[in-house]
C-alpha atoms as a PDB file:
ATOM      1  CA  UNK A   1     144.492  51.046 103.034  1.00  0.00           C
ATOM      2  CA  UNK A   2     141.454  49.803 104.552  1.00  0.00           C
ATOM      3  CA  UNK A   3     138.395  49.394 102.765  1.00  0.00           C
ATOM      4  CA  UNK A   4     136.235  52.184 104.963  1.00  0.00           C
ATOM      5  CA  UNK A   5     139.224  54.824 103.626  1.00  0.00           C
ATOM      6  CA  UNK A   6     139.905  54.021 100.138  1.00  0.00           C
ATOM      7  CA  UNK A   7     135.982  54.399  99.736  1.00  0.00           C
ATOM      8  CA  UNK A   8     136.574  57.364 101.467  1.00  0.00           C
ATOM      9  CA  UNK A   9     139.397  58.894  99.349  1.00  0.00           C
ATOM     10  CA  UNK A  10     136.793  58.208  96.301  1.00  0.00           C
ATOM     11  CA  UNK A  11     134.388  60.059  98.500  1.00  0.00           C
ATOM     12  CA  UNK A  12     136.648  62.915  98.128  1.00  0.00           C
ATOM     13  CA  UNK A  13     137.826  62.956  94.953  1.00  0.00           C
ATOM     14  CA  UNK A  14     134.157  62.831  93.366  1.00  0.00           C
ATOM     15  CA  UNK A  15     133.566  66.221  92.873  1.00  0.00           C
ATOM     16  CA  UNK A  16     129.304  65.663  91.433  1.00  0.00           C
ATOM     17  CA  UNK A  17     128.753  64.083  95.249  1.00  0.00           C
ATOM     18  CA  UNK A  18     130.843  67.673  96.773  1.00  0.00           C
ATOM     19  CA  UNK A  19     128.121  69.328  94.304  1.00  0.00           C
ATOM     20  CA  UNK A  20     125.508  68.352  95.939  1.00  0.00           C
ATOM     21  CA  UNK A  21     126.431  68.178  99.029  1.00  0.00           C
ATOM     22  CA  UNK A  22     126.941  71.549  98.726  1.00  0.00           C
ATOM     23  CA  UNK A  23     123.565  71.828  96.828  1.00  0.00           C
ATOM     24  CA  UNK A  24     121.878  70.640  99.910  1.00  0.00           C
ATOM     25  CA  UNK A  25     123.384  72.372 102.454  1.00  0.00           C
ATOM     26  CA  UNK A  26     122.837  76.333 100.850  1.00  0.00           C
ATOM     27  CA  UNK A  27     119.593  75.329 100.080  1.00  0.00           C
ATOM     28  CA  UNK A  28     119.113  73.798 103.878  1.00  0.00           C
ATOM     29  CA  UNK A  29     120.239  77.661 105.069  1.00  0.00           C
ATOM     30  CA  UNK A  30     118.121  79.604 102.514  1.00  0.00           C
ATOM     31  CA  UNK A  31     114.738  77.534 103.440  1.00  0.00           C
ATOM     32  CA  UNK A  32     115.522  77.967 107.477  1.00  0.00           C
ATOM     33  CA  UNK A  33     115.714  81.428 106.428  1.00  0.00           C
ATOM     34  CA  UNK A  34     112.325  81.968 104.339  1.00  0.00           C
ATOM     35  CA  UNK A  35     110.808  79.897 107.219  1.00  0.00           C
ATOM     36  CA  UNK A  36     112.009  82.047 109.655  1.00  0.00           C
ATOM     37  CA  UNK A  37     110.739  85.413 107.101  1.00  0.00           C
ATOM     38  CA  UNK A  38     107.363  83.654 107.739  1.00  0.00           C
ATOM     39  CA  UNK A  39     106.208  83.291 110.478  1.00  0.00           C
ATOM     40  CA  UNK A  40     107.941  86.873 111.248  1.00  0.00           C
ATOM     41  CA  UNK A  41     106.172  88.499 108.445  1.00  0.00           C
ATOM     42  CA  UNK A  42     102.462  86.352 109.169  1.00  0.00           C
ATOM     43  CA  UNK A  43     103.086  85.196 113.015  1.00  0.00           C
ATOM     44  CA  UNK A  44     100.073  88.473 113.944  1.00  0.00           C
ATOM     45  CA  UNK A  45      98.235  87.894 110.469  1.00  0.00           C
ATOM     46  CA  UNK A  46      96.487  85.137 109.927  1.00  0.00           C
ATOM     47  CA  UNK A  47      92.862  85.109 111.679  1.00  0.00           C
ATOM     48  CA  UNK A  48      91.855  81.671 110.794  1.00  0.00           C
ATOM     49  CA  UNK A  49      90.595  79.432 113.734  1.00  0.00           C
ATOM     50  CA  UNK A  50      93.688  78.383 116.451  1.00  0.00           C
ATOM     51  CA  UNK A  51      93.597  74.949 115.862  1.00  0.00           C
ATOM     52  CA  UNK A  52      94.239  75.560 112.077  1.00  0.00           C
ATOM     53  CA  UNK A  53      97.215  78.302 112.977  1.00  0.00           C
ATOM     54  CA  UNK A  54      98.562  75.193 115.593  1.00  0.00           C
ATOM     55  CA  UNK A  55      99.034  72.803 112.363  1.00  0.00           C
ATOM     56  CA  UNK A  56      99.563  75.442 109.887  1.00  0.00           C
ATOM     57  CA  UNK A  57     102.794  76.906 112.348  1.00  0.00           C
ATOM     58  CA  UNK A  58     103.619  73.571 112.822  1.00  0.00           C
ATOM     59  CA  UNK A  59     104.227  72.731 109.419  1.00  0.00           C
ATOM     60  CA  UNK A  60     106.380  75.763 109.457  1.00  0.00           C
ATOM     61  CA  UNK A  61     108.299  74.714 112.172  1.00  0.00           C
ATOM     62  CA  UNK A  62     109.157  71.055 110.537  1.00  0.00           C
ATOM     63  CA  UNK A  63     110.404  72.668 107.755  1.00  0.00           C
ATOM     64  CA  UNK A  64     112.776  74.737 109.991  1.00  0.00           C
ATOM     65  CA  UNK A  65     113.879  71.514 111.839  1.00  0.00           C
ATOM     66  CA  UNK A  66     114.866  69.510 108.935  1.00  0.00           C
ATOM     67  CA  UNK A  67     116.416  72.390 106.713  1.00  0.00           C
ATOM     68  CA  UNK A  68     118.914  73.268 110.436  1.00  0.00           C
ATOM     69  CA  UNK A  69     119.031  69.220 110.745  1.00  0.00           C
ATOM     70  CA  UNK A  70     120.440  68.970 107.122  1.00  0.00           C
ATOM     71  CA  UNK A  71     122.098  72.056 107.578  1.00  0.00           C
ATOM     72  CA  UNK A  72     123.999  70.565 110.074  1.00  0.00           C
ATOM     73  CA  UNK A  73     124.538  66.941 108.559  1.00  0.00           C
ATOM     74  CA  UNK A  74     125.945  68.540 105.409  1.00  0.00           C
ATOM     75  CA  UNK A  75     127.449  71.207 106.939  1.00  0.00           C
ATOM     76  CA  UNK A  76     130.189  68.910 108.751  1.00  0.00           C
ATOM     77  CA  UNK A  77     130.547  66.177 105.513  1.00  0.00           C
ATOM     78  CA  UNK A  78     131.764  69.588 104.233  1.00  0.00           C
ATOM     79  CA  UNK A  79     133.999  70.631 106.563  1.00  0.00           C
ATOM     80  CA  UNK A  80     135.832  66.961 107.116  1.00  0.00           C
ATOM     81  CA  UNK A  81     136.088  66.901 103.361  1.00  0.00           C
ATOM     82  CA  UNK A  82     137.870  70.500 103.137  1.00  0.00           C
ATOM     83  CA  UNK A  83     139.722  69.340 106.628  1.00  0.00           C
ATOM     84  CA  UNK A  84     140.691  66.079 106.153  1.00  0.00           C
ATOM     85  CA  UNK A  85     144.817  65.306 105.767  1.00  0.00           C
ATOM     86  CA  UNK A  86     143.520  61.946 105.113  1.00  0.00           C
ATOM     87  CA  UNK A  87     140.894  60.019 103.767  1.00  0.00           C
ATOM     88  CA  UNK A  88     139.850  58.607 106.937  1.00  0.00           C
ATOM     89  CA  UNK A  89     139.435  61.671 108.917  1.00  0.00           C
ATOM     90  CA  UNK A  90     135.628  61.776 106.867  1.00  0.00           C
ATOM     91  CA  UNK A  91     134.643  58.502 107.962  1.00  0.00           C
ATOM     92  CA  UNK A  92     132.093  59.366 110.885  1.00  0.00           C
ATOM     93  CA  UNK A  93     130.498  57.373 113.369  1.00  0.00           C
ATOM     94  CA  UNK A  94     127.222  55.466 112.644  1.00  0.00           C
ATOM     95  CA  UNK A  95     125.533  56.847 115.939  1.00  0.00           C
ATOM     96  CA  UNK A  96     126.087  59.918 114.845  1.00  0.00           C
ATOM     97  CA  UNK A  97     124.675  60.185 111.067  1.00  0.00           C
ATOM     98  CA  UNK A  98     121.618  58.198 113.214  1.00  0.00           C
ATOM     99  CA  UNK A  99     121.483  60.873 115.914  1.00  0.00           C
ATOM    100  CA  UNK A 100     121.141  63.734 112.509  1.00  0.00           C
ATOM    101  CA  UNK A 101     119.230  61.077 110.145  1.00  0.00           C
ATOM    102  CA  UNK A 102     116.126  59.953 112.792  1.00  0.00           C
ATOM    103  CA  UNK A 103     115.179  63.273 113.600  1.00  0.00           C
ATOM    104  CA  UNK A 104     115.622  64.423 110.113  1.00  0.00           C
ATOM    105  CA  UNK A 105     113.376  61.539 108.654  1.00  0.00           C
ATOM    106  CA  UNK A 106     110.689  62.177 111.407  1.00  0.00           C
ATOM    107  CA  UNK A 107     110.929  65.844 109.943  1.00  0.00           C
ATOM    108  CA  UNK A 108     110.241  64.401 106.579  1.00  0.00           C
ATOM    109  CA  UNK A 109     107.594  62.297 107.487  1.00  0.00           C
ATOM    110  CA  UNK A 110     105.660  64.964 109.416  1.00  0.00           C
ATOM    111  CA  UNK A 111     104.895  66.606 106.590  1.00  0.00           C
ATOM    112  CA  UNK A 112     102.688  64.150 105.049  1.00  0.00           C
ATOM    113  CA  UNK A 113     101.363  63.881 108.601  1.00  0.00           C
ATOM    114  CA  UNK A 114     100.451  67.183 109.133  1.00  0.00           C
ATOM    115  CA  UNK A 115      98.862  67.892 105.662  1.00  0.00           C
ATOM    116  CA  UNK A 116      96.225  65.027 106.563  1.00  0.00           C
ATOM    117  CA  UNK A 117      95.608  66.539 110.373  1.00  0.00           C
ATOM    118  CA  UNK A 118      94.252  69.659 108.306  1.00  0.00           C
ATOM    119  CA  UNK A 119      92.112  68.030 106.453  1.00  0.00           C
ATOM    120  CA  UNK A 120      90.276  66.104 108.799  1.00  0.00           C
ATOM    121  CA  UNK A 121      90.441  69.798 111.237  1.00  0.00           C
ATOM    122  CA  UNK A 122      88.767  71.534 107.777  1.00  0.00           C
ATOM    123  CA  UNK A 123      86.129  68.493 107.823  1.00  0.00           C
ATOM    124  CA  UNK A 124      85.401  69.101 111.184  1.00  0.00           C
ATOM    125  CA  UNK A 125      84.579  72.172 110.479  1.00  0.00           C
ATOM    126  CA  UNK A 126      82.618  72.109 107.737  1.00  0.00           C
ATOM    127  CA  UNK A 127      80.378  69.523 109.888  1.00  0.00           C
ATOM    128  CA  UNK A 128      80.192  71.866 112.558  1.00  0.00           C
ATOM    129  CA  UNK A 129      79.576  75.411 110.641  1.00  0.00           C
ATOM    130  CA  UNK A 130      77.393  77.068 112.883  1.00  0.00           C
ATOM    131  CA  UNK A 131      79.631  75.775 116.414  1.00  0.00           C
ATOM    132  CA  UNK A 132      83.107  75.672 115.510  1.00  0.00           C
ATOM    133  CA  UNK A 133      83.914  79.271 115.728  1.00  0.00           C
ATOM    134  CA  UNK A 134      83.415  79.045 119.222  1.00  0.00           C
ATOM    135  CA  UNK A 135      86.020  75.666 119.786  1.00  0.00           C
ATOM    136  CA  UNK A 136      88.778  75.955 121.548  1.00  0.00           C
ATOM    137  CA  UNK A 137      91.911  74.495 120.439  1.00  0.00           C
ATOM    138  CA  UNK A 138      92.032  70.656 122.112  1.00  0.00           C
ATOM    139  CA  UNK A 139      91.601  68.864 118.113  1.00  0.00           C
ATOM    140  CA  UNK A 140      95.144  70.706 116.543  1.00  0.00           C
ATOM    141  CA  UNK A 141      96.988  70.145 119.525  1.00  0.00           C
ATOM    142  CA  UNK A 142      95.328  66.773 119.318  1.00  0.00           C
ATOM    143  CA  UNK A 143      95.643  66.295 115.960  1.00  0.00           C
ATOM    144  CA  UNK A 144      99.647  67.544 116.147  1.00  0.00           C
ATOM    145  CA  UNK A 145     100.204  65.066 118.392  1.00  0.00           C
ATOM    146  CA  UNK A 146      99.055  62.729 116.787  1.00  0.00           C
ATOM    147  CA  UNK A 147     101.122  63.611 113.539  1.00  0.00           C
ATOM    148  CA  UNK A 148     104.403  63.841 115.281  1.00  0.00           C
ATOM    149  CA  UNK A 149     103.985  60.472 117.473  1.00  0.00           C
ATOM    150  CA  UNK A 150     103.029  58.804 113.721  1.00  0.00           C
ATOM    151  CA  UNK A 151     106.073  60.376 112.274  1.00  0.00           C
ATOM    152  CA  UNK A 152     108.280  59.538 114.945  1.00  0.00           C
ATOM    153  CA  UNK A 153     107.105  55.639 115.106  1.00  0.00           C
ATOM    154  CA  UNK A 154     106.891  55.238 111.217  1.00  0.00           C
ATOM    155  CA  UNK A 155     110.424  56.409 111.152  1.00  0.00           C
ATOM    156  CA  UNK A 156     111.605  53.811 114.494  1.00  0.00           C
ATOM    157  CA  UNK A 157     110.606  50.802 111.903  1.00  0.00           C
ATOM    158  CA  UNK A 158     112.440  52.377 109.021  1.00  0.00           C
ATOM    159  CA  UNK A 159     115.516  52.221 110.884  1.00  0.00           C
ATOM    160  CA  UNK A 160     115.735  49.381 113.087  1.00  0.00           C
ATOM    161  CA  UNK A 161     118.202  47.703 111.645  1.00  0.00           C
ATOM    162  CA  UNK A 162     120.594  50.854 111.456  1.00  0.00           C
ATOM    163  CA  UNK A 163     124.093  49.920 110.954  1.00  0.00           C
ATOM    164  CA  UNK A 164     125.828  51.632 114.389  1.00  0.00           C
ATOM    165  CA  UNK A 165     129.384  49.283 114.325  1.00  0.00           C
ATOM    166  CA  UNK A 166     130.299  50.459 111.216  1.00  0.00           C
ATOM    167  CA  UNK A 167     131.926  54.134 110.260  1.00  0.00           C
ATOM    168  CA  UNK A 168     130.640  56.039 107.232  1.00  0.00           C
ATOM    169  CA  UNK A 169     131.498  58.021 105.180  1.00  0.00           C
ATOM    170  CA  UNK A 170     128.778  59.507 104.232  1.00  0.00           C
ATOM    171  CA  UNK A 171     125.805  59.453 106.253  1.00  0.00           C
ATOM    172  CA  UNK A 172     122.563  58.245 103.517  1.00  0.00           C
ATOM    173  CA  UNK A 173     118.991  58.633 104.258  1.00  0.00           C
ATOM    174  CA  UNK A 174     119.038  54.891 102.980  1.00  0.00           C
ATOM    175  CA  UNK A 175     121.434  52.026 103.488  1.00  0.00           C
ATOM    176  CA  UNK A 176     121.332  48.706 102.089  1.00  0.00           C
ATOM    177  CA  UNK A 177     120.672  47.086 106.131  1.00  0.00           C
ATOM    178  CA  UNK A 178     117.088  49.322 106.320  1.00  0.00           C
ATOM    179  CA  UNK A 179     116.407  49.259 102.059  1.00  0.00           C
ATOM    180  CA  UNK A 180     113.536  46.913 102.924  1.00  0.00           C
ATOM    181  CA  UNK A 181     111.877  48.853 105.881  1.00  0.00           C
ATOM    182  CA  UNK A 182     112.826  52.489 104.090  1.00  0.00           C
ATOM    183  CA  UNK A 183     110.843  51.929 101.002  1.00  0.00           C
ATOM    184  CA  UNK A 184     108.324  50.617 102.575  1.00  0.00           C
ATOM    185  CA  UNK A 185     107.469  53.500 104.874  1.00  0.00           C
ATOM    186  CA  UNK A 186     108.013  55.795 102.033  1.00  0.00           C
ATOM    187  CA  UNK A 187     105.140  53.840 100.085  1.00  0.00           C
ATOM    188  CA  UNK A 188     103.059  54.069 102.560  1.00  0.00           C
ATOM    189  CA  UNK A 189     103.963  57.944 102.829  1.00  0.00           C
ATOM    190  CA  UNK A 190     103.082  58.278  99.409  1.00  0.00           C
ATOM    191  CA  UNK A 191      99.779  56.546  99.778  1.00  0.00           C
ATOM    192  CA  UNK A 192      98.864  58.611 102.695  1.00  0.00           C
ATOM    193  CA  UNK A 193      99.720  61.895 100.303  1.00  0.00           C
ATOM    194  CA  UNK A 194      97.708  60.840  98.029  1.00  0.00           C
ATOM    195  CA  UNK A 195      94.882  60.107 100.216  1.00  0.00           C
ATOM    196  CA  UNK A 196      95.028  63.436 101.692  1.00  0.00           C
ATOM    197  CA  UNK A 197      94.492  64.928  98.303  1.00  0.00           C
ATOM    198  CA  UNK A 198      91.505  62.999  97.466  1.00  0.00           C
ATOM    199  CA  UNK A 199      90.144  64.247 100.971  1.00  0.00           C
ATOM    200  CA  UNK A 200      91.549  67.809 100.032  1.00  0.00           C
ATOM    201  CA  UNK A 201      89.652  68.017  96.662  1.00  0.00           C
ATOM    202  CA  UNK A 202      86.279  66.241  98.286  1.00  0.00           C
ATOM    203  CA  UNK A 203      86.047  68.456 101.607  1.00  0.00           C
ATOM    204  CA  UNK A 204      87.005  71.683  99.424  1.00  0.00           C
ATOM    205  CA  UNK A 205      83.553  70.206  96.395  1.00  0.00           C
ATOM    206  CA  UNK A 206      81.735  70.419  99.498  1.00  0.00           C
ATOM    207  CA  UNK A 207      82.089  73.647 101.115  1.00  0.00           C
ATOM    208  CA  UNK A 208      81.631  75.420  97.362  1.00  0.00           C
ATOM    209  CA  UNK A 209      78.096  73.486  97.175  1.00  0.00           C
ATOM    210  CA  UNK A 210      76.519  73.517 100.372  1.00  0.00           C
ATOM    211  CA  UNK A 211      73.987  76.250 101.213  1.00  0.00           C
ATOM    212  CA  UNK A 212      74.353  78.179 104.100  1.00  0.00           C
ATOM    213  CA  UNK A 213      72.377  80.765 105.094  1.00  0.00           C
ATOM    214  CA  UNK A 214      73.128  81.980 108.877  1.00  0.00           C
ATOM    215  CA  UNK A 215      76.114  84.574 109.593  1.00  0.00           C
ATOM    216  CA  UNK A 216      78.117  82.376 111.534  1.00  0.00           C
ATOM    217  CA  UNK A 217      77.594  79.407 109.338  1.00  0.00           C
ATOM    218  CA  UNK A 218      78.826  81.247 105.977  1.00  0.00           C
ATOM    219  CA  UNK A 219      81.841  83.008 107.934  1.00  0.00           C
ATOM    220  CA  UNK A 220      82.953  79.721 108.350  1.00  0.00           C
ATOM    221  CA  UNK A 221      82.097  78.049 105.220  1.00  0.00           C
ATOM    222  CA  UNK A 222      84.119  81.227 103.750  1.00  0.00           C
ATOM    223  CA  UNK A 223      87.202  80.206 106.267  1.00  0.00           C
ATOM    224  CA  UNK A 224      87.038  76.815 105.034  1.00  0.00           C
ATOM    225  CA  UNK A 225      87.324  77.628 101.391  1.00  0.00           C
ATOM    226  CA  UNK A 226      90.202  80.210 102.288  1.00  0.00           C
ATOM    227  CA  UNK A 227      92.576  77.528 104.272  1.00  0.00           C
ATOM    228  CA  UNK A 228      91.860  75.398 101.617  1.00  0.00           C
ATOM    229  CA  UNK A 229      92.624  77.543  98.717  1.00  0.00           C
ATOM    230  CA  UNK A 230      95.973  77.988 100.861  1.00  0.00           C
ATOM    231  CA  UNK A 231      96.479  74.208 101.828  1.00  0.00           C
ATOM    232  CA  UNK A 232      95.695  72.998  98.349  1.00  0.00           C
ATOM    233  CA  UNK A 233      99.646  74.387  96.623  1.00  0.00           C
ATOM    234  CA  UNK A 234     101.089  73.070  98.987  1.00  0.00           C
ATOM    235  CA  UNK A 235      99.720  69.131  99.281  1.00  0.00           C
ATOM    236  CA  UNK A 236      99.980  68.684  96.022  1.00  0.00           C
ATOM    237  CA  UNK A 237     103.468  70.125  94.892  1.00  0.00           C
ATOM    238  CA  UNK A 238     104.562  68.037  98.043  1.00  0.00           C
ATOM    239  CA  UNK A 239     102.871  65.171  96.587  1.00  0.00           C
ATOM    240  CA  UNK A 240     104.909  65.194  93.794  1.00  0.00           C
ATOM    241  CA  UNK A 241     108.131  65.733  94.763  1.00  0.00           C
ATOM    242  CA  UNK A 242     107.451  63.111  97.581  1.00  0.00           C
ATOM    243  CA  UNK A 243     106.360  60.737  94.477  1.00  0.00           C
ATOM    244  CA  UNK A 244     109.193  61.726  92.714  1.00  0.00           C
ATOM    245  CA  UNK A 245     112.092  61.002  95.154  1.00  0.00           C
ATOM    246  CA  UNK A 246     109.985  57.806  95.390  1.00  0.00           C
ATOM    247  CA  UNK A 247     110.432  57.211  91.919  1.00  0.00           C
ATOM    248  CA  UNK A 248     114.000  57.666  91.689  1.00  0.00           C
ATOM    249  CA  UNK A 249     114.514  56.020  94.626  1.00  0.00           C
ATOM    250  CA  UNK A 250     113.188  52.953  92.920  1.00  0.00           C
ATOM    251  CA  UNK A 251     114.893  53.625  89.895  1.00  0.00           C
ATOM    252  CA  UNK A 252     117.615  53.748  92.079  1.00  0.00           C
ATOM    253  CA  UNK A 253     117.368  49.798  92.768  1.00  0.00           C
ATOM    254  CA  UNK A 254     116.998  48.989  89.355  1.00  0.00           C
ATOM    255  CA  UNK A 255     120.218  50.671  88.890  1.00  0.00           C
ATOM    256  CA  UNK A 256     122.373  49.337  90.897  1.00  0.00           C
ATOM    257  CA  UNK A 257     123.191  46.565  89.060  1.00  0.00           C
ATOM    258  CA  UNK A 258     123.763  49.059  86.186  1.00  0.00           C
ATOM    259  CA  UNK A 259     125.984  51.273  88.039  1.00  0.00           C
ATOM    260  CA  UNK A 260     128.208  49.443  90.348  1.00  0.00           C
ATOM    261  CA  UNK A 261     130.754  52.289  91.308  1.00  0.00           C
ATOM    262  CA  UNK A 262     129.618  52.396  95.285  1.00  0.00           C
ATOM    263  CA  UNK A 263     130.658  56.985  94.799  1.00  0.00           C
ATOM    264  CA  UNK A 264     128.487  56.864  91.818  1.00  0.00           C
ATOM    265  CA  UNK A 265     125.258  54.954  93.256  1.00  0.00           C
ATOM    266  CA  UNK A 266     125.397  56.972  96.441  1.00  0.00           C
ATOM    267  CA  UNK A 267     125.888  59.912  94.570  1.00  0.00           C
ATOM    268  CA  UNK A 268     122.949  59.325  92.198  1.00  0.00           C
ATOM    269  CA  UNK A 269     120.982  58.605  95.671  1.00  0.00           C
ATOM    270  CA  UNK A 270     121.634  61.305  97.654  1.00  0.00           C
ATOM    271  CA  UNK A 271     120.882  63.882  94.127  1.00  0.00           C
ATOM    272  CA  UNK A 272     117.072  62.137  94.467  1.00  0.00           C
ATOM    273  CA  UNK A 273     116.411  64.030  97.900  1.00  0.00           C
ATOM    274  CA  UNK A 274     115.106  66.928  96.683  1.00  0.00           C
ATOM    275  CA  UNK A 275     112.731  67.535  99.733  1.00  0.00           C
ATOM    276  CA  UNK A 276     115.277  70.806 100.743  1.00  0.00           C
ATOM    277  CA  UNK A 277     113.859  72.578  97.933  1.00  0.00           C
ATOM    278  CA  UNK A 278     109.823  71.468  98.977  1.00  0.00           C
ATOM    279  CA  UNK A 279     111.519  72.769 102.767  1.00  0.00           C
ATOM    280  CA  UNK A 280     112.720  76.526 100.666  1.00  0.00           C
ATOM    281  CA  UNK A 281     109.364  77.283  98.132  1.00  0.00           C
ATOM    282  CA  UNK A 282     106.600  76.068  99.499  1.00  0.00           C
ATOM    283  CA  UNK A 283     106.548  79.189 102.526  1.00  0.00           C
ATOM    284  CA  UNK A 284     106.772  81.492  99.487  1.00  0.00           C
ATOM    285  CA  UNK A 285     103.883  79.602  97.856  1.00  0.00           C
ATOM    286  CA  UNK A 286     101.775  80.136 100.881  1.00  0.00           C
ATOM    287  CA  UNK A 287     102.959  83.540 101.241  1.00  0.00           C
ATOM    288  CA  UNK A 288     101.891  84.429  98.154  1.00  0.00           C
ATOM    289  CA  UNK A 289      98.421  83.303  98.303  1.00  0.00           C
ATOM    290  CA  UNK A 290      97.709  84.701 101.939  1.00  0.00           C
ATOM    291  CA  UNK A 291      98.673  88.057 100.013  1.00  0.00           C
ATOM    292  CA  UNK A 292      96.142  86.934  97.039  1.00  0.00           C
ATOM    293  CA  UNK A 293      94.042  86.365 100.096  1.00  0.00           C
ATOM    294  CA  UNK A 294      94.258  89.225 101.886  1.00  0.00           C
ATOM    295  CA  UNK A 295      93.760  91.345  98.751  1.00  0.00           C
ATOM    296  CA  UNK A 296      90.518  89.834  97.937  1.00  0.00           C
ATOM    297  CA  UNK A 297      89.144  90.444 101.064  1.00  0.00           C
ATOM    298  CA  UNK A 298      90.651  94.910 100.972  1.00  0.00           C
ATOM    299  CA  UNK A 299      88.691  94.646  97.474  1.00  0.00           C
ATOM    300  CA  UNK A 300      85.772  93.732  99.143  1.00  0.00           C
ATOM    301  CA  UNK A 301      85.765  95.439 101.686  1.00  0.00           C
ATOM    302  CA  UNK A 302      86.332  98.483  99.924  1.00  0.00           C
ATOM    303  CA  UNK A 303      83.524  97.413  97.271  1.00  0.00           C
ATOM    304  CA  UNK A 304      81.165  97.118 100.254  1.00  0.00           C
ATOM    305  CA  UNK A 305      81.952 100.549 101.893  1.00  0.00           C
ATOM    306  CA  UNK A 306      81.212 102.857  98.817  1.00  0.00           C
ATOM    307  CA  UNK A 307      78.380 105.198  98.905  1.00  0.00           C
ATOM    308  CA  UNK A 308      75.666 103.397  96.454  1.00  0.00           C
ATOM    309  CA  UNK A 309      73.310 104.978  94.202  1.00  0.00           C
ATOM    310  CA  UNK A 310      69.756 103.401  95.701  1.00  0.00           C
ATOM    311  CA  UNK A 311      68.404 100.673  97.841  1.00  0.00           C
ATOM    312  CA  UNK A 312      68.073  98.759  94.623  1.00  0.00           C
ATOM    313  CA  UNK A 313      71.667  98.631  94.182  1.00  0.00           C
ATOM    314  CA  UNK A 314      71.943  97.079  97.736  1.00  0.00           C
ATOM    315  CA  UNK A 315      68.924  94.187  97.370  1.00  0.00           C
ATOM    316  CA  UNK A 316      70.741  93.161  94.076  1.00  0.00           C
ATOM    317  CA  UNK A 317      74.436  93.509  95.190  1.00  0.00           C
ATOM    318  CA  UNK A 318      73.359  91.689  98.539  1.00  0.00           C
ATOM    319  CA  UNK A 319      71.534  89.011  96.378  1.00  0.00           C
ATOM    320  CA  UNK A 320      74.565  88.386  94.012  1.00  0.00           C
ATOM    321  CA  UNK A 321      77.344  88.458  96.658  1.00  0.00           C
ATOM    322  CA  UNK A 322      75.301  85.251  98.140  1.00  0.00           C
ATOM    323  CA  UNK A 323      75.184  83.546  95.126  1.00  0.00           C
ATOM    324  CA  UNK A 324      78.704  83.896  94.867  1.00  0.00           C
ATOM    325  CA  UNK A 325      79.475  82.039  98.544  1.00  0.00           C
ATOM    326  CA  UNK A 326      76.902  79.476  97.969  1.00  0.00           C
ATOM    327  CA  UNK A 327      78.555  78.669  94.759  1.00  0.00           C
END
């Protein structure tokens, strides 16, 4: 039997690999559904600056694109597994794997670059509190274009030595031919994400400490804090997921000497790809934060609209409110 067909026979018979493909396929479909529901629910109910909205919806579009492509990829593997009449039927051309893995990896990396762009956009907003609300959306568009270009540039570098000639049993994200470039790109993105987390913390801290008194600046400062509170859990959770994946990939390079079976090793590497879990649950996290933000604003408006007993109450209530905003 051809060596590739022999490997394919092991792939078909190995239950853990099939389970991982099914789980990733299911999470991808669930992620597409959740992100579409998030967009439908919140598309006309987020009233932050247009620059931020452009980048936020780009994140949701990235989630959908990544999940859809992964569902197509894993769905094609499942279709071949359950319809193959002989092991060689499972093999797929290298160009097929590349055509899906290339945009899939670009979506994967775009999370990092868009997160950094949002923090940059909020930094610009903080530096221009009194005038930022009147600015056009060119900054968000430019940052989005740079984010997408950077993500695709890193993917082109990572997959530069991709093997198009050989038929493959499984379209893995990390191949022996591209292992060095993929590792370099991955560690670079972990560093970018870590820098984004640190930058996010300092921008948030600066906003909390800022002393602003005019209405326009105070409004922009409050929006900044709301956006940063919305962004922080998403960035930190992505950093944790991404770093965990990178640690597993690093561990897999060490385990190659221990796990000599190709099918078991391929299954371990495939199992470390946990981004579908993030793309499925990150919009749910954003959904909860936005609902909490709206509820808080509604309670503030109710409190402010209540009939007050006297003028002293108005004075001290406003004084306490101002202290809360600049604390």
